[in-house]
Amino acid sequence: MSGIIMQALEQAIRDKARELLA
């Protein structure tokens, strides 16, 4: 289960990074 959580967190971080870069 922790793997799924880590994946979700990574995706959220990438989304935020995209917003910050854009």
N, C-alpha and C. Protein backbone atom coordinates (compact mmCIF):
# COMPACT_ATOMS: atom_id res chain seq x y z
N MET A 1 0.85 -1.21 0.00
CA MET A 1 0.00 0.00 0.00
C MET A 1 0.88 1.25 0.00
N SER A 2 1.97 1.20 0.74
CA SER A 2 2.86 2.38 0.81
C SER A 2 3.36 2.73 -0.58
N GLY A 3 3.54 1.72 -1.44
CA GLY A 3 4.02 1.99 -2.80
C GLY A 3 3.03 2.86 -3.55
N ILE A 4 1.74 2.56 -3.38
CA ILE A 4 0.72 3.36 -4.10
C ILE A 4 0.74 4.80 -3.58
N ILE A 5 0.87 4.93 -2.26
CA ILE A 5 0.89 6.29 -1.66
C ILE A 5 2.09 7.07 -2.19
N MET A 6 3.24 6.41 -2.23
CA MET A 6 4.46 7.08 -2.72
C MET A 6 4.27 7.51 -4.17
N GLN A 7 3.63 6.66 -4.96
CA GLN A 7 3.41 7.00 -6.37
C GLN A 7 2.49 8.22 -6.47
N ALA A 8 1.43 8.23 -5.68
CA ALA A 8 0.49 9.36 -5.71
C ALA A 8 1.21 10.64 -5.29
N LEU A 9 2.07 10.53 -4.28
CA LEU A 9 2.80 11.72 -3.82
C LEU A 9 3.73 12.22 -4.92
N GLU A 10 4.39 11.30 -5.59
CA GLU A 10 5.32 11.70 -6.66
C GLU A 10 4.56 12.43 -7.76
N GLN A 11 3.38 11.92 -8.11
CA GLN A 11 2.60 12.57 -9.17
C GLN A 11 2.17 13.97 -8.72
N ALA A 12 1.74 14.10 -7.48
CA ALA A 12 1.31 15.41 -6.96
C ALA A 12 2.48 16.38 -6.99
N ILE A 13 3.67 15.91 -6.61
CA ILE A 13 4.86 16.78 -6.61
C ILE A 13 5.16 17.22 -8.04
N ARG A 14 5.06 16.29 -8.99
CA ARG A 14 5.34 16.66 -10.39
C ARG A 14 4.33 17.71 -10.86
N ASP A 15 3.08 17.54 -10.48
CA ASP A 15 2.05 18.51 -10.88
C ASP A 15 2.39 19.89 -10.31
N LYS A 16 2.78 19.93 -9.04
CA LYS A 16 3.11 21.23 -8.41
C LYS A 16 4.34 21.82 -9.07
N ALA A 17 5.32 20.99 -9.36
CA ALA A 17 6.55 21.48 -9.99
C ALA A 17 6.20 22.09 -11.35
N ARG A 18 5.31 21.43 -12.07
CA ARG A 18 4.91 21.97 -13.39
C ARG A 18 4.27 23.34 -13.22
N GLU A 19 3.40 23.47 -12.21
CA GLU A 19 2.74 24.76 -11.99
C GLU A 19 3.78 25.83 -11.64
N LEU A 20 4.75 25.46 -10.82
CA LEU A 20 5.76 26.44 -10.42
C LEU A 20 6.63 26.83 -11.61
N LEU A 21 6.96 25.85 -12.45
CA LEU A 21 7.81 26.14 -13.61
C LEU A 21 7.03 26.95 -14.65
N ALA A 22 5.74 26.65 -14.76
CA ALA A 22 4.92 27.37 -15.75
C ALA A 22 4.63 28.75 -15.19
